[in-house]
């Protein structure tokens, strides 16, 4: 009898965890979809006005780092309040603005619009694959966190160095590394939600959004380098 009660309690506990994880994952996906709207709007404003054209070299890096980390700090501070979602959406608008220079450069190619759509489709494909894998993999992936973190650190340092060196080959290498690292990060972040390791949908959305942003940016850069057709 005691064993039956124990099994019932265990089953009920797992049911509650699964229900909470499903709710967080559902809210995360909805907010993630919503976050793409201000991103597109920010990119459009940036391309149309050229407001970010002056943000080159060290100035651009400082503005991006200060804005991005400032917003991420604010999101973490407000994630449990009503201000959390508006702050996150403001952040995605800012990220769209920061993406405008790259998009404008790619749109300068004869086949620019198709390259942008290809990058968008490729990013969506990576998301679909990683989300599907996260639902079928039973193994705990928390051990990936340390390796992914250091991979991202190396990538960031390499990106900063290449920003001043201006090597096209270096940019291509950094972009390929970023696609691999942030695809793995996406798998890890989604799996964290499914396993109950992340219970706040705003934090989960922020993590997966950054994965998507970096993959899209890197794909677009690669397509521009290798597939751009000049008039």
Protein backbone atom coordinates (compact mmCIF):
# COMPACT_ATOMS: atom_id res chain seq x y z
CA UNK A 1 0.00 0.00 0.00
CA UNK A 2 2.77 2.43 0.94
CA UNK A 3 4.54 1.64 -2.32
CA UNK A 4 1.36 2.36 -4.28
CA UNK A 5 0.96 5.71 -2.51
CA UNK A 6 4.62 6.52 -3.21
CA UNK A 7 4.20 5.67 -6.90
CA UNK A 8 1.05 7.81 -7.07
CA UNK A 9 2.81 10.77 -5.45
CA UNK A 10 5.80 10.37 -7.78
CA UNK A 11 3.54 10.20 -10.81
CA UNK A 12 1.64 13.29 -9.67
CA UNK A 13 4.93 15.14 -9.13
CA UNK A 14 6.18 14.32 -12.62
CA UNK A 15 2.79 15.36 -14.03
CA UNK A 16 3.04 18.77 -12.35
CA UNK A 17 6.60 19.27 -13.64
CA UNK A 18 5.59 18.28 -17.18
CA UNK A 19 2.59 20.60 -17.06
CA UNK A 20 4.72 23.53 -15.87
CA UNK A 21 7.43 22.85 -18.47
CA UNK A 22 4.85 22.66 -21.26
CA UNK A 23 3.33 25.96 -20.14
CA UNK A 24 6.72 27.70 -19.98
CA UNK A 25 7.69 26.28 -23.39
CA UNK A 26 4.37 27.37 -24.94
CA UNK A 27 4.69 30.90 -23.54
CA UNK A 28 8.31 31.04 -24.66
CA UNK A 29 7.43 30.15 -28.24
CA UNK A 30 4.61 32.71 -28.34
CA UNK A 31 6.85 35.47 -26.97
CA UNK A 32 9.66 34.42 -29.30
CA UNK A 33 7.34 34.80 -32.30
CA UNK A 34 6.18 38.18 -31.00
CA UNK A 35 9.79 39.34 -30.50
CA UNK A 36 10.46 38.97 -34.22
CA UNK A 37 8.04 41.85 -34.97
CA UNK A 38 10.09 44.63 -33.26
CA UNK A 39 13.27 43.02 -34.62
CA UNK A 40 12.02 43.36 -38.20
CA UNK A 41 10.74 46.87 -37.43
CA UNK A 42 14.09 47.89 -35.95
CA UNK A 43 15.97 46.50 -38.96
CA UNK A 44 13.61 48.32 -41.35
CA UNK A 45 14.05 51.63 -39.50
CA UNK A 46 17.82 51.18 -39.50
CA UNK A 47 18.01 50.38 -43.22
CA UNK A 48 15.52 53.11 -44.21
CA UNK A 49 17.10 55.89 -42.17
CA UNK A 50 20.73 54.79 -42.12
CA UNK A 51 20.76 55.77 -38.45
CA UNK A 52 23.34 53.11 -37.58
CA UNK A 53 25.70 53.73 -40.52
CA UNK A 54 28.07 55.74 -38.33
CA UNK A 55 28.42 52.88 -35.85
CA UNK A 56 31.61 51.39 -37.24
CA UNK A 57 34.71 49.96 -35.59
CA UNK A 58 35.18 50.66 -31.90
CA UNK A 59 32.24 53.07 -31.66
CA UNK A 60 29.82 50.48 -33.00
CA UNK A 61 31.21 47.83 -30.66
CA UNK A 62 30.84 50.09 -27.60
CA UNK A 63 27.26 51.08 -28.50
CA UNK A 64 26.28 47.48 -29.18
CA UNK A 65 27.88 46.04 -26.03
CA UNK A 66 26.54 48.81 -23.78
CA UNK A 67 23.04 48.59 -25.24
CA UNK A 68 22.86 44.78 -25.34
CA UNK A 69 24.21 44.15 -21.84
CA UNK A 70 22.20 47.06 -20.44
CA UNK A 71 18.99 45.62 -21.86
CA UNK A 72 19.83 42.08 -20.74
CA UNK A 73 20.46 43.32 -17.20
CA UNK A 74 17.10 45.16 -17.27
CA UNK A 75 15.30 42.05 -18.59
CA UNK A 76 16.66 39.90 -15.78
CA UNK A 77 15.62 42.54 -13.23
CA UNK A 78 12.05 42.80 -14.61
CA UNK A 79 11.41 39.21 -15.73
CA UNK A 80 9.01 38.54 -12.84
CA UNK A 81 7.04 41.76 -13.29
CA UNK A 82 4.64 43.26 -15.82
CA UNK A 83 7.52 45.29 -17.28
CA UNK A 84 9.43 42.18 -18.36
CA UNK A 85 7.77 41.66 -21.75
CA UNK A 86 7.93 45.35 -22.87
CA UNK A 87 11.61 45.54 -21.89
CA UNK A 88 12.33 42.35 -23.84
CA UNK A 89 10.52 43.69 -26.90
CA UNK A 90 12.44 46.99 -26.65
CA UNK A 91 15.63 44.92 -26.60
CA UNK A 92 14.63 43.06 -29.77
CA UNK A 93 13.93 46.40 -31.49
CA UNK A 94 17.44 47.53 -30.52
CA UNK A 95 18.91 44.29 -31.87
CA UNK A 96 17.05 44.85 -35.15
CA UNK A 97 18.65 48.30 -35.38
CA UNK A 98 22.07 46.78 -34.78
CA UNK A 99 21.43 44.29 -37.59
CA UNK A 100 20.53 47.02 -40.09
CA UNK A 101 24.08 47.71 -41.34
CA UNK A 102 24.65 44.07 -42.28
CA UNK A 103 21.23 43.80 -43.93
CA UNK A 104 21.80 47.02 -45.88
CA UNK A 105 25.17 45.71 -47.06
CA UNK A 106 23.64 42.43 -48.25
CA UNK A 107 20.72 44.24 -49.90
CA UNK A 108 23.33 46.12 -51.92
CA UNK A 109 23.96 42.92 -53.87
CA UNK A 110 21.90 42.18 -56.95
CA UNK A 111 20.50 39.08 -55.26
CA UNK A 112 20.35 40.71 -51.81
CA UNK A 113 16.64 40.13 -51.04
CA UNK A 114 16.95 36.41 -51.84
CA UNK A 115 20.02 36.14 -49.61
CA UNK A 116 18.11 37.69 -46.69
CA UNK A 117 15.21 35.29 -47.22
CA UNK A 118 17.62 32.35 -47.49
CA UNK A 119 19.24 33.34 -44.19
CA UNK A 120 15.80 33.63 -42.59
CA UNK A 121 14.75 30.22 -43.94
CA UNK A 122 18.03 28.63 -42.82
CA UNK A 123 17.61 30.04 -39.31
CA UNK A 124 14.04 28.74 -39.15
CA UNK A 125 15.30 25.34 -40.29
CA UNK A 126 17.95 25.22 -37.55
CA UNK A 127 15.32 26.17 -34.98
CA UNK A 128 12.97 23.42 -36.17
CA UNK A 129 15.74 20.79 -36.04
CA UNK A 130 17.01 21.84 -32.59
CA UNK A 131 13.49 22.08 -31.13
CA UNK A 132 12.68 18.62 -32.49
CA UNK A 133 15.91 17.15 -31.12
CA UNK A 134 15.27 18.70 -27.71
CA UNK A 135 11.95 16.87 -27.44
CA UNK A 136 13.37 13.43 -28.27
CA UNK A 137 16.75 13.51 -26.49
CA UNK A 138 16.35 12.03 -23.02
CA UNK A 139 19.91 12.66 -21.84
CA UNK A 140 20.58 15.56 -19.50
CA UNK A 141 22.49 18.21 -21.48
CA UNK A 142 23.42 20.48 -18.57
CA UNK A 143 27.06 19.40 -18.92
CA UNK A 144 27.19 21.29 -22.23
CA UNK A 145 26.87 24.67 -20.49
CA UNK A 146 30.55 25.09 -19.57
CA UNK A 147 31.85 24.17 -23.02
CA UNK A 148 29.31 26.34 -24.79
CA UNK A 149 30.13 29.29 -22.54
CA UNK A 150 33.84 29.11 -23.29
CA UNK A 151 33.12 28.59 -26.97
CA UNK A 152 31.07 31.80 -26.95
CA UNK A 153 33.86 33.64 -25.10
CA UNK A 154 36.46 32.54 -27.68
CA UNK A 155 34.05 33.54 -30.44
CA UNK A 156 33.49 36.98 -28.94
CA UNK A 157 37.22 37.63 -28.52
CA UNK A 158 37.88 36.46 -32.07
CA UNK A 159 35.07 38.66 -33.37
CA UNK A 160 36.43 41.75 -31.59
CA UNK A 161 39.92 41.13 -32.97
CA UNK A 162 38.59 40.63 -36.48
CA UNK A 163 36.52 43.80 -36.19
CA UNK A 164 39.77 45.77 -36.20
CA UNK A 165 41.71 43.45 -38.55
CA UNK A 166 38.90 43.44 -41.13
CA UNK A 167 39.67 39.99 -42.57
CA UNK A 168 36.99 38.49 -44.81
CA UNK A 169 38.38 35.01 -44.19
CA UNK A 170 38.33 35.68 -40.45
CA UNK A 171 34.72 36.83 -40.67
CA UNK A 172 33.76 33.67 -42.56
CA UNK A 173 35.48 31.45 -39.98
CA UNK A 174 33.86 33.32 -37.07
CA UNK A 175 30.46 33.03 -38.76
CA UNK A 176 30.77 29.27 -39.25
CA UNK A 177 31.87 28.84 -35.64
CA UNK A 178 28.95 30.99 -34.45
CA UNK A 179 26.42 28.89 -36.37
CA UNK A 180 27.76 25.70 -34.77
CA UNK A 181 28.03 27.12 -31.23
CA UNK A 182 24.64 28.86 -31.16
CA UNK A 183 22.86 25.92 -32.77
CA UNK A 184 24.16 23.80 -29.88
CA UNK A 185 23.20 26.59 -27.47
CA UNK A 186 19.67 26.56 -28.88
CA UNK A 187 19.38 22.82 -28.29
CA UNK A 188 20.64 23.31 -24.74
CA UNK A 189 18.31 26.27 -24.00
CA UNK A 190 15.18 24.54 -25.30
CA UNK A 191 16.09 21.33 -23.44
CA UNK A 192 16.48 23.36 -20.23
CA UNK A 193 12.87 24.49 -20.53
CA UNK A 194 11.61 20.99 -21.33
CA UNK A 195 13.51 19.49 -18.37
CA UNK A 196 12.31 22.19 -15.98
CA UNK A 197 15.73 23.79 -15.58
CA UNK A 198 14.37 27.14 -16.78
CA UNK A 199 10.97 28.12 -15.36
CA UNK A 200 10.75 31.76 -16.43
CA UNK A 201 9.50 32.17 -20.00
CA UNK A 202 10.99 35.66 -20.39
CA UNK A 203 14.49 34.40 -19.53
CA UNK A 204 13.94 31.40 -21.80
CA UNK A 205 12.81 33.66 -24.66
CA UNK A 206 15.85 35.90 -24.22
CA UNK A 207 18.23 32.93 -24.40
CA UNK A 208 16.64 31.37 -27.49
CA UNK A 209 16.23 34.77 -29.19
CA UNK A 210 19.97 35.42 -28.84
CA UNK A 211 20.65 32.00 -30.37
CA UNK A 212 18.39 32.79 -33.33
CA UNK A 213 19.84 36.28 -33.75
CA UNK A 214 23.43 35.04 -33.86
CA UNK A 215 22.62 32.20 -36.27
CA UNK A 216 20.72 34.53 -38.63
CA UNK A 217 23.46 37.17 -38.52
CA UNK A 218 26.17 34.59 -39.19
CA UNK A 219 24.25 32.91 -42.02
CA UNK A 220 23.60 36.29 -43.62
CA UNK A 221 27.28 37.23 -43.37
CA UNK A 222 28.34 33.93 -44.97
CA UNK A 223 25.80 34.27 -47.77
CA UNK A 224 26.98 37.81 -48.41
CA UNK A 225 30.63 36.72 -48.55
CA UNK A 226 30.17 33.67 -50.76
CA UNK A 227 26.90 34.28 -52.59
CA UNK A 228 26.64 38.02 -53.13
CA UNK A 229 26.29 39.03 -56.80
CA UNK A 230 27.41 42.51 -57.75
CA UNK A 231 25.82 44.47 -60.58
